[in-house]
Amino acid sequence: GLLIAHGAPPCGVAGALLEAAKAGDTARLDALLRLPGARRQIDCRDAQGHTPLHLSMQSGALPAAALLLRRGAAADTTNASSDATTADALFG
């Protein structure tokens, strides 16, 4: 939305997914992804276009990244800078 495009953090489940992924909090990610409808938001984005998978890989939280992939996160997304999640994992 407009607020996110101007740097405001996403709120609700999407914001919580992004925060948990960046922190590498697999227990919280697991709990969030069990909420009704949360799986539809697994590829949500922050203002820079990062998905939870991007954030977990950038912060070195590989167990969180693995959990996201097992739960259906898209492995071939890019952020606003065209950085791919797979490139981050292999060469980050």
PDB file of N, CA and C in Angstrom:
ATOM      1  N   GLY A   1       0.798  -1.180   0.000  1.00  0.00           N
ATOM      2  CA  GLY A   1       0.000   0.000   0.000  1.00  0.00           C
ATOM      3  C   GLY A   1       0.849   1.255   0.000  1.00  0.00           C
ATOM      4  N   LEU A   2       0.176   2.359   0.045  1.00  0.00           N
ATOM      5  CA  LEU A   2       0.818   3.670  -0.013  1.00  0.00           C
ATOM      6  C   LEU A   2       1.766   3.891   1.159  1.00  0.00           C
ATOM      7  N   LEU A   3       1.334   3.531   2.362  1.00  0.00           N
ATOM      8  CA  LEU A   3       2.199   3.742   3.522  1.00  0.00           C
ATOM      9  C   LEU A   3       3.461   2.904   3.449  1.00  0.00           C
ATOM     10  N   ILE A   4       3.325   1.655   3.030  1.00  0.00           N
ATOM     11  CA  ILE A   4       4.492   0.776   2.909  1.00  0.00           C
ATOM     12  C   ILE A   4       5.443   1.308   1.854  1.00  0.00           C
ATOM     13  N   ALA A   5       4.899   1.814   0.748  1.00  0.00           N
ATOM     14  CA  ALA A   5       5.740   2.372  -0.317  1.00  0.00           C
ATOM     15  C   ALA A   5       6.570   3.553   0.182  1.00  0.00           C
ATOM     16  N   HIS A   6       6.089   4.242   1.216  1.00  0.00           N
ATOM     17  CA  HIS A   6       6.817   5.378   1.775  1.00  0.00           C
ATOM     18  C   HIS A   6       7.594   5.028   3.028  1.00  0.00           C
ATOM     19  N   GLY A   7       7.802   3.717   3.254  1.00  0.00           N
ATOM     20  CA  GLY A   7       8.687   3.294   4.328  1.00  0.00           C
ATOM     21  C   GLY A   7       8.031   2.834   5.608  1.00  0.00           C
ATOM     22  N   ALA A   8       6.714   2.918   5.705  1.00  0.00           N
ATOM     23  CA  ALA A   8       6.051   2.444   6.922  1.00  0.00           C
ATOM     24  C   ALA A   8       6.112   0.924   6.957  1.00  0.00           C
ATOM     25  N   PRO A   9       6.339   0.351   8.130  1.00  0.00           N
ATOM     26  CA  PRO A   9       6.389  -1.114   8.196  1.00  0.00           C
ATOM     27  C   PRO A   9       5.009  -1.718   8.005  1.00  0.00           C
ATOM     28  N   PRO A  10       4.924  -2.894   7.363  1.00  0.00           N
ATOM     29  CA  PRO A  10       3.642  -3.573   7.256  1.00  0.00           C
ATOM     30  C   PRO A  10       3.160  -3.948   8.651  1.00  0.00           C
ATOM     31  N   CYS A  11       1.867  -4.001   8.835  1.00  0.00           N
ATOM     32  CA  CYS A  11       1.342  -4.370  10.145  1.00  0.00           C
ATOM     33  C   CYS A  11       0.609  -5.706  10.029  1.00  0.00           C
ATOM     34  N   GLY A  12       0.103  -6.162  11.127  1.00  0.00           N
ATOM     35  CA  GLY A  12      -0.637  -7.406  11.149  1.00  0.00           C
ATOM     36  C   GLY A  12       0.271  -8.603  10.923  1.00  0.00           C
ATOM     37  N   VAL A  13      -0.302  -9.650  10.327  1.00  0.00           N
ATOM     38  CA  VAL A  13       0.435 -10.889  10.117  1.00  0.00           C
ATOM     39  C   VAL A  13       1.631 -10.660   9.191  1.00  0.00           C
ATOM     40  N   ALA A  14       1.453  -9.868   8.156  1.00  0.00           N
ATOM     41  CA  ALA A  14       2.559  -9.620   7.218  1.00  0.00           C
ATOM     42  C   ALA A  14       3.749  -8.995   7.938  1.00  0.00           C
ATOM     43  N   GLY A  15       3.502  -7.975   8.736  1.00  0.00           N
ATOM     44  CA  GLY A  15       4.581  -7.337   9.479  1.00  0.00           C
ATOM     45  C   GLY A  15       5.248  -8.292  10.451  1.00  0.00           C
ATOM     46  N   ALA A  16       4.440  -9.111  11.109  1.00  0.00           N
ATOM     47  CA  ALA A  16       4.982 -10.084  12.063  1.00  0.00           C
ATOM     48  C   ALA A  16       5.831 -11.131  11.349  1.00  0.00           C
ATOM     49  N   LEU A  17       5.400 -11.568  10.163  1.00  0.00           N
ATOM     50  CA  LEU A  17       6.186 -12.532   9.384  1.00  0.00           C
ATOM     51  C   LEU A  17       7.535 -11.938   9.000  1.00  0.00           C
ATOM     52  N   LEU A  18       7.523 -10.709   8.540  1.00  0.00           N
ATOM     53  CA  LEU A  18       8.768 -10.045   8.142  1.00  0.00           C
ATOM     54  C   LEU A  18       9.713  -9.903   9.328  1.00  0.00           C
ATOM     55  N   GLU A  19       9.194  -9.483  10.477  1.00  0.00           N
ATOM     56  CA  GLU A  19      10.022  -9.313  11.668  1.00  0.00           C
ATOM     57  C   GLU A  19      10.591 -10.642  12.159  1.00  0.00           C
ATOM     58  N   ALA A  20       9.747 -11.662  12.206  1.00  0.00           N
ATOM     59  CA  ALA A  20      10.192 -12.977  12.686  1.00  0.00           C
ATOM     60  C   ALA A  20      11.242 -13.566  11.750  1.00  0.00           C
ATOM     61  N   ALA A  21      11.050 -13.392  10.445  1.00  0.00           N
ATOM     62  CA  ALA A  21      12.016 -13.918   9.481  1.00  0.00           C
ATOM     63  C   ALA A  21      13.361 -13.225   9.627  1.00  0.00           C
ATOM     64  N   LYS A  22      13.346 -11.913   9.757  1.00  0.00           N
ATOM     65  CA  LYS A  22      14.596 -11.155   9.904  1.00  0.00           C
ATOM     66  C   LYS A  22      15.325 -11.550  11.180  1.00  0.00           C
ATOM     67  N   ALA A  23      14.560 -11.819  12.235  1.00  0.00           N
ATOM     68  CA  ALA A  23      15.155 -12.205  13.521  1.00  0.00           C
ATOM     69  C   ALA A  23      15.545 -13.681  13.557  1.00  0.00           C
ATOM     70  N   GLY A  24      15.111 -14.441  12.557  1.00  0.00           N
ATOM     71  CA  GLY A  24      15.404 -15.872  12.553  1.00  0.00           C
ATOM     72  C   GLY A  24      14.614 -16.639  13.593  1.00  0.00           C
ATOM     73  N   ASP A  25      13.472 -16.107  13.976  1.00  0.00           N
ATOM     74  CA  ASP A  25      12.642 -16.698  15.027  1.00  0.00           C
ATOM     75  C   ASP A  25      11.740 -17.779  14.432  1.00  0.00           C
ATOM     76  N   THR A  26      12.274 -18.990  14.333  1.00  0.00           N
ATOM     77  CA  THR A  26      11.521 -20.077  13.682  1.00  0.00           C
ATOM     78  C   THR A  26      10.270 -20.453  14.466  1.00  0.00           C
ATOM     79  N   ALA A  27      10.313 -20.382  15.782  1.00  0.00           N
ATOM     80  CA  ALA A  27       9.118 -20.720  16.575  1.00  0.00           C
ATOM     81  C   ALA A  27       7.987 -19.741  16.276  1.00  0.00           C
ATOM     82  N   ARG A  28       8.326 -18.468  16.201  1.00  0.00           N
ATOM     83  CA  ARG A  28       7.301 -17.462  15.892  1.00  0.00           C
ATOM     84  C   ARG A  28       6.803 -17.603  14.454  1.00  0.00           C
ATOM     85  N   LEU A  29       7.713 -17.841  13.511  1.00  0.00           N
ATOM     86  CA  LEU A  29       7.298 -18.059  12.125  1.00  0.00           C
ATOM     87  C   LEU A  29       6.333 -19.234  12.033  1.00  0.00           C
ATOM     88  N   ASP A  30       6.687 -20.319  12.689  1.00  0.00           N
ATOM     89  CA  ASP A  30       5.840 -21.509  12.663  1.00  0.00           C
ATOM     90  C   ASP A  30       4.453 -21.187  13.215  1.00  0.00           C
ATOM     91  N   ALA A  31       4.405 -20.479  14.337  1.00  0.00           N
ATOM     92  CA  ALA A  31       3.116 -20.125  14.942  1.00  0.00           C
ATOM     93  C   ALA A  31       2.311 -19.197  14.029  1.00  0.00           C
ATOM     94  N   LEU A  32       2.981 -18.215  13.440  1.00  0.00           N
ATOM     95  CA  LEU A  32       2.290 -17.285  12.544  1.00  0.00           C
ATOM     96  C   LEU A  32       1.730 -17.994  11.321  1.00  0.00           C
ATOM     97  N   LEU A  33       2.509 -18.912  10.760  1.00  0.00           N
ATOM     98  CA  LEU A  33       2.070 -19.597   9.551  1.00  0.00           C
ATOM     99  C   LEU A  33       0.942 -20.587   9.810  1.00  0.00           C
ATOM    100  N   ARG A  34       0.662 -20.867  11.067  1.00  0.00           N
ATOM    101  CA  ARG A  34      -0.475 -21.723  11.424  1.00  0.00           C
ATOM    102  C   ARG A  34      -1.780 -20.933  11.576  1.00  0.00           C
ATOM    103  N   LEU A  35      -1.680 -19.601  11.589  1.00  0.00           N
ATOM    104  CA  LEU A  35      -2.881 -18.774  11.699  1.00  0.00           C
ATOM    105  C   LEU A  35      -3.708 -18.871  10.423  1.00  0.00           C
ATOM    106  N   PRO A  36      -5.035 -18.810  10.543  1.00  0.00           N
ATOM    107  CA  PRO A  36      -5.886 -18.868   9.343  1.00  0.00           C
ATOM    108  C   PRO A  36      -5.522 -17.758   8.351  1.00  0.00           C
ATOM    109  N   GLY A  37      -5.288 -18.125   7.122  1.00  0.00           N
ATOM    110  CA  GLY A  37      -4.979 -17.161   6.069  1.00  0.00           C
ATOM    111  C   GLY A  37      -3.540 -16.692   6.006  1.00  0.00           C
ATOM    112  N   ALA A  38      -2.723 -17.051   6.978  1.00  0.00           N
ATOM    113  CA  ALA A  38      -1.350 -16.543   7.015  1.00  0.00           C
ATOM    114  C   ALA A  38      -0.510 -17.061   5.863  1.00  0.00           C
ATOM    115  N   ARG A  39      -0.772 -18.273   5.417  1.00  0.00           N
ATOM    116  CA  ARG A  39       0.042 -18.829   4.328  1.00  0.00           C
ATOM    117  C   ARG A  39      -0.091 -18.003   3.051  1.00  0.00           C
ATOM    118  N   ARG A  40      -1.226 -17.323   2.880  1.00  0.00           N
ATOM    119  CA  ARG A  40      -1.394 -16.465   1.697  1.00  0.00           C
ATOM    120  C   ARG A  40      -0.457 -15.254   1.762  1.00  0.00           C
ATOM    121  N   GLN A  41       0.070 -14.951   2.936  1.00  0.00           N
ATOM    122  CA  GLN A  41       0.939 -13.790   3.100  1.00  0.00           C
ATOM    123  C   GLN A  41       2.413 -14.161   3.205  1.00  0.00           C
ATOM    124  N   ILE A  42       2.746 -15.407   2.924  1.00  0.00           N
ATOM    125  CA  ILE A  42       4.119 -15.879   3.101  1.00  0.00           C
ATOM    126  C   ILE A  42       5.118 -15.123   2.218  1.00  0.00           C
ATOM    127  N   ASP A  43       4.647 -14.571   1.117  1.00  0.00           N
ATOM    128  CA  ASP A  43       5.515 -13.812   0.220  1.00  0.00           C
ATOM    129  C   ASP A  43       5.221 -12.312   0.279  1.00  0.00           C
ATOM    130  N   CYS A  44       4.727 -11.834   1.436  1.00  0.00           N
ATOM    131  CA  CYS A  44       4.477 -10.400   1.602  1.00  0.00           C
ATOM    132  C   CYS A  44       5.799  -9.645   1.453  1.00  0.00           C
ATOM    133  N   ARG A  45       5.716  -8.352   1.267  1.00  0.00           N
ATOM    134  CA  ARG A  45       6.918  -7.547   1.027  1.00  0.00           C
ATOM    135  C   ARG A  45       6.961  -6.321   1.920  1.00  0.00           C
ATOM    136  N   ASP A  46       8.189  -5.907   2.243  1.00  0.00           N
ATOM    137  CA  ASP A  46       8.375  -4.647   2.962  1.00  0.00           C
ATOM    138  C   ASP A  46       8.569  -3.529   1.936  1.00  0.00           C
ATOM    139  N   ALA A  47       8.896  -2.339   2.396  1.00  0.00           N
ATOM    140  CA  ALA A  47       9.028  -1.184   1.508  1.00  0.00           C
ATOM    141  C   ALA A  47      10.133  -1.349   0.467  1.00  0.00           C
ATOM    142  N   GLN A  48      11.139  -2.178   0.755  1.00  0.00           N
ATOM    143  CA  GLN A  48      12.229  -2.415  -0.198  1.00  0.00           C
ATOM    144  C   GLN A  48      11.958  -3.626  -1.087  1.00  0.00           C
ATOM    145  N   GLY A  49      10.792  -4.222  -0.943  1.00  0.00           N
ATOM    146  CA  GLY A  49      10.442  -5.376  -1.751  1.00  0.00           C
ATOM    147  C   GLY A  49      10.947  -6.697  -1.208  1.00  0.00           C
ATOM    148  N   HIS A  50      11.490  -6.684   0.008  1.00  0.00           N
ATOM    149  CA  HIS A  50      11.986  -7.921   0.612  1.00  0.00           C
ATOM    150  C   HIS A  50      10.823  -8.783   1.095  1.00  0.00           C
ATOM    151  N   THR A  51      10.910 -10.066   0.818  1.00  0.00           N
ATOM    152  CA  THR A  51       9.968 -11.027   1.364  1.00  0.00           C
ATOM    153  C   THR A  51      10.554 -11.583   2.667  1.00  0.00           C
ATOM    154  N   PRO A  52       9.767 -12.300   3.454  1.00  0.00           N
ATOM    155  CA  PRO A  52      10.352 -12.938   4.634  1.00  0.00           C
ATOM    156  C   PRO A  52      11.551 -13.830   4.276  1.00  0.00           C
ATOM    157  N   LEU A  53      11.485 -14.504   3.142  1.00  0.00           N
ATOM    158  CA  LEU A  53      12.607 -15.348   2.731  1.00  0.00           C
ATOM    159  C   LEU A  53      13.857 -14.518   2.477  1.00  0.00           C
ATOM    160  N   HIS A  54      13.717 -13.378   1.793  1.00  0.00           N
ATOM    161  CA  HIS A  54      14.861 -12.483   1.596  1.00  0.00           C
ATOM    162  C   HIS A  54      15.481 -12.101   2.940  1.00  0.00           C
ATOM    163  N   LEU A  55      14.628 -11.661   3.856  1.00  0.00           N
ATOM    164  CA  LEU A  55      15.123 -11.155   5.139  1.00  0.00           C
ATOM    165  C   LEU A  55      15.809 -12.235   5.951  1.00  0.00           C
ATOM    166  N   SER A  56      15.249 -13.441   5.940  1.00  0.00           N
ATOM    167  CA  SER A  56      15.879 -14.518   6.708  1.00  0.00           C
ATOM    168  C   SER A  56      17.243 -14.867   6.114  1.00  0.00           C
ATOM    169  N   MET A  57      17.351 -14.882   4.796  1.00  0.00           N
ATOM    170  CA  MET A  57      18.636 -15.202   4.168  1.00  0.00           C
ATOM    171  C   MET A  57      19.650 -14.097   4.371  1.00  0.00           C
ATOM    172  N   GLN A  58      19.214 -12.843   4.273  1.00  0.00           N
ATOM    173  CA  GLN A  58      20.136 -11.727   4.457  1.00  0.00           C
ATOM    174  C   GLN A  58      20.705 -11.683   5.870  1.00  0.00           C
ATOM    175  N   SER A  59      19.904 -12.115   6.835  1.00  0.00           N
ATOM    176  CA  SER A  59      20.387 -12.083   8.212  1.00  0.00           C
ATOM    177  C   SER A  59      21.054 -13.392   8.626  1.00  0.00           C
ATOM    178  N   GLY A  60      21.210 -14.314   7.680  1.00  0.00           N
ATOM    179  CA  GLY A  60      21.891 -15.574   7.964  1.00  0.00           C
ATOM    180  C   GLY A  60      21.053 -16.566   8.747  1.00  0.00           C
ATOM    181  N   ALA A  61      19.766 -16.352   8.780  1.00  0.00           N
ATOM    182  CA  ALA A  61      18.858 -17.225   9.526  1.00  0.00           C
ATOM    183  C   ALA A  61      18.385 -18.366   8.623  1.00  0.00           C
ATOM    184  N   LEU A  62      19.306 -19.262   8.311  1.00  0.00           N
ATOM    185  CA  LEU A  62      18.986 -20.338   7.372  1.00  0.00           C
ATOM    186  C   LEU A  62      17.908 -21.295   7.868  1.00  0.00           C
ATOM    187  N   PRO A  63      17.813 -21.606   9.176  1.00  0.00           N
ATOM    188  CA  PRO A  63      16.688 -22.438   9.614  1.00  0.00           C
ATOM    189  C   PRO A  63      15.337 -21.767   9.346  1.00  0.00           C
ATOM    190  N   ALA A  64      15.268 -20.458   9.510  1.00  0.00           N
ATOM    191  CA  ALA A  64      14.032 -19.739   9.212  1.00  0.00           C
ATOM    192  C   ALA A  64      13.743 -19.787   7.713  1.00  0.00           C
ATOM    193  N   ALA A  65      14.784 -19.621   6.896  1.00  0.00           N
ATOM    194  CA  ALA A  65      14.609 -19.701   5.448  1.00  0.00           C
ATOM    195  C   ALA A  65      14.120 -21.089   5.042  1.00  0.00           C
ATOM    196  N   ALA A  66      14.689 -22.112   5.630  1.00  0.00           N
ATOM    197  CA  ALA A  66      14.268 -23.481   5.315  1.00  0.00           C
ATOM    198  C   ALA A  66      12.806 -23.700   5.697  1.00  0.00           C
ATOM    199  N   LEU A  67      12.396 -23.176   6.843  1.00  0.00           N
ATOM    200  CA  LEU A  67      11.002 -23.297   7.265  1.00  0.00           C
ATOM    201  C   LEU A  67      10.081 -22.603   6.268  1.00  0.00           C
ATOM    202  N   LEU A  68      10.441 -21.400   5.864  1.00  0.00           N
ATOM    203  CA  LEU A  68       9.623 -20.666   4.890  1.00  0.00           C
ATOM    204  C   LEU A  68       9.504 -21.431   3.578  1.00  0.00           C
ATOM    205  N   LEU A  69      10.602 -21.996   3.115  1.00  0.00           N
ATOM    206  CA  LEU A  69      10.561 -22.771   1.872  1.00  0.00           C
ATOM    207  C   LEU A  69       9.683 -24.014   2.016  1.00  0.00           C
ATOM    208  N   ARG A  70       9.803 -24.703   3.152  1.00  0.00           N
ATOM    209  CA  ARG A  70       8.953 -25.878   3.378  1.00  0.00           C
ATOM    210  C   ARG A  70       7.477 -25.522   3.407  1.00  0.00           C
ATOM    211  N   ARG A  71       7.182 -24.320   3.867  1.00  0.00           N
ATOM    212  CA  ARG A  71       5.785 -23.887   3.967  1.00  0.00           C
ATOM    213  C   ARG A  71       5.265 -23.230   2.686  1.00  0.00           C
ATOM    214  N   GLY A  72       6.098 -23.164   1.651  1.00  0.00           N
ATOM    215  CA  GLY A  72       5.604 -22.692   0.362  1.00  0.00           C
ATOM    216  C   GLY A  72       6.071 -21.328  -0.089  1.00  0.00           C
ATOM    217  N   ALA A  73       7.048 -20.736   0.574  1.00  0.00           N
ATOM    218  CA  ALA A  73       7.563 -19.440   0.116  1.00  0.00           C
ATOM    219  C   ALA A  73       8.164 -19.591  -1.276  1.00  0.00           C
ATOM    220  N   ALA A  74       7.948 -18.592  -2.100  1.00  0.00           N
ATOM    221  CA  ALA A  74       8.503 -18.598  -3.457  1.00  0.00           C
ATOM    222  C   ALA A  74      10.014 -18.416  -3.380  1.00  0.00           C
ATOM    223  N   ALA A  75      10.743 -19.322  -4.014  1.00  0.00           N
ATOM    224  CA  ALA A  75      12.206 -19.289  -3.959  1.00  0.00           C
ATOM    225  C   ALA A  75      12.813 -18.420  -5.050  1.00  0.00           C
ATOM    226  N   ASP A  76      12.002 -17.924  -5.955  1.00  0.00           N
ATOM    227  CA  ASP A  76      12.545 -17.211  -7.114  1.00  0.00           C
ATOM    228  C   ASP A  76      12.119 -15.744  -7.162  1.00  0.00           C
ATOM    229  N   THR A  77      11.863 -15.137  -6.014  1.00  0.00           N
ATOM    230  CA  THR A  77      11.447 -13.740  -6.004  1.00  0.00           C
ATOM    231  C   THR A  77      12.659 -12.816  -5.978  1.00  0.00           C
ATOM    232  N   THR A  78      12.435 -11.589  -6.395  1.00  0.00           N
ATOM    233  CA  THR A  78      13.472 -10.557  -6.307  1.00  0.00           C
ATOM    234  C   THR A  78      12.900  -9.384  -5.523  1.00  0.00           C
ATOM    235  N   ASN A  79      13.793  -8.586  -4.935  1.00  0.00           N
ATOM    236  CA  ASN A  79      13.350  -7.398  -4.213  1.00  0.00           C
ATOM    237  C   ASN A  79      13.402  -6.195  -5.155  1.00  0.00           C
ATOM    238  N   ALA A  80      13.206  -5.003  -4.616  1.00  0.00           N
ATOM    239  CA  ALA A  80      13.186  -3.790  -5.434  1.00  0.00           C
ATOM    240  C   ALA A  80      14.521  -3.523  -6.125  1.00  0.00           C
ATOM    241  N   SER A  81      15.620  -4.073  -5.597  1.00  0.00           N
ATOM    242  CA  SER A  81      16.943  -3.914  -6.208  1.00  0.00           C
ATOM    243  C   SER A  81      17.284  -5.067  -7.139  1.00  0.00           C
ATOM    244  N   SER A  82      16.294  -5.927  -7.391  1.00  0.00           N
ATOM    245  CA  SER A  82      16.454  -7.110  -8.243  1.00  0.00           C
ATOM    246  C   SER A  82      17.387  -8.152  -7.649  1.00  0.00           C
ATOM    247  N   ASP A  83      17.582  -8.130  -6.326  1.00  0.00           N
ATOM    248  CA  ASP A  83      18.367  -9.162  -5.656  1.00  0.00           C
ATOM    249  C   ASP A  83      17.488 -10.400  -5.510  1.00  0.00           C
ATOM    250  N   ALA A  84      17.996 -11.523  -5.947  1.00  0.00           N
ATOM    251  CA  ALA A  84      17.238 -12.766  -5.860  1.00  0.00           C
ATOM    252  C   ALA A  84      17.522 -13.477  -4.546  1.00  0.00           C
ATOM    253  N   THR A  85      16.536 -14.179  -4.032  1.00  0.00           N
ATOM    254  CA  THR A  85      16.716 -14.896  -2.784  1.00  0.00           C
ATOM    255  C   THR A  85      17.766 -15.993  -2.929  1.00  0.00           C
ATOM    256  N   THR A  86      17.806 -16.684  -4.059  1.00  0.00           N
ATOM    257  CA  THR A  86      18.781 -17.747  -4.225  1.00  0.00           C
ATOM    258  C   THR A  86      20.202 -17.196  -4.286  1.00  0.00           C
ATOM    259  N   ALA A  87      20.382 -16.044  -4.917  1.00  0.00           N
ATOM    260  CA  ALA A  87      21.707 -15.435  -4.966  1.00  0.00           C
ATOM    261  C   ALA A  87      22.148 -15.019  -3.564  1.00  0.00           C
ATOM    262  N   ASP A  88      21.222 -14.490  -2.786  1.00  0.00           N
ATOM    263  CA  ASP A  88      21.564 -14.110  -1.407  1.00  0.00           C
ATOM    264  C   ASP A  88      22.028 -15.327  -0.627  1.00  0.00           C
ATOM    265  N   ALA A  89      21.353 -16.435  -0.799  1.00  0.00           N
ATOM    266  CA  ALA A  89      21.684 -17.641  -0.037  1.00  0.00           C
ATOM    267  C   ALA A  89      23.038 -18.204  -0.446  1.00  0.00           C
ATOM    268  N   LEU A  90      23.334 -18.147  -1.733  1.00  0.00           N
ATOM    269  CA  LEU A  90      24.569 -18.761  -2.227  1.00  0.00           C
ATOM    270  C   LEU A  90      25.779 -17.842  -2.116  1.00  0.00           C
ATOM    271  N   PHE A  91      25.579 -16.550  -2.351  1.00  0.00           N
ATOM    272  CA  PHE A  91      26.724 -15.661  -2.458  1.00  0.00           C
ATOM    273  C   PHE A  91      26.699 -14.491  -1.487  1.00  0.00           C
ATOM    274  N   GLY A  92      25.614 -14.384  -0.647  1.00  0.00           N
ATOM    275  CA  GLY A  92      25.419 -13.238   0.239  1.00  0.00           C
ATOM    276  C   GLY A  92      26.526 -13.042   1.167  1.00  0.00           C
TER     277      GLY A  92
END
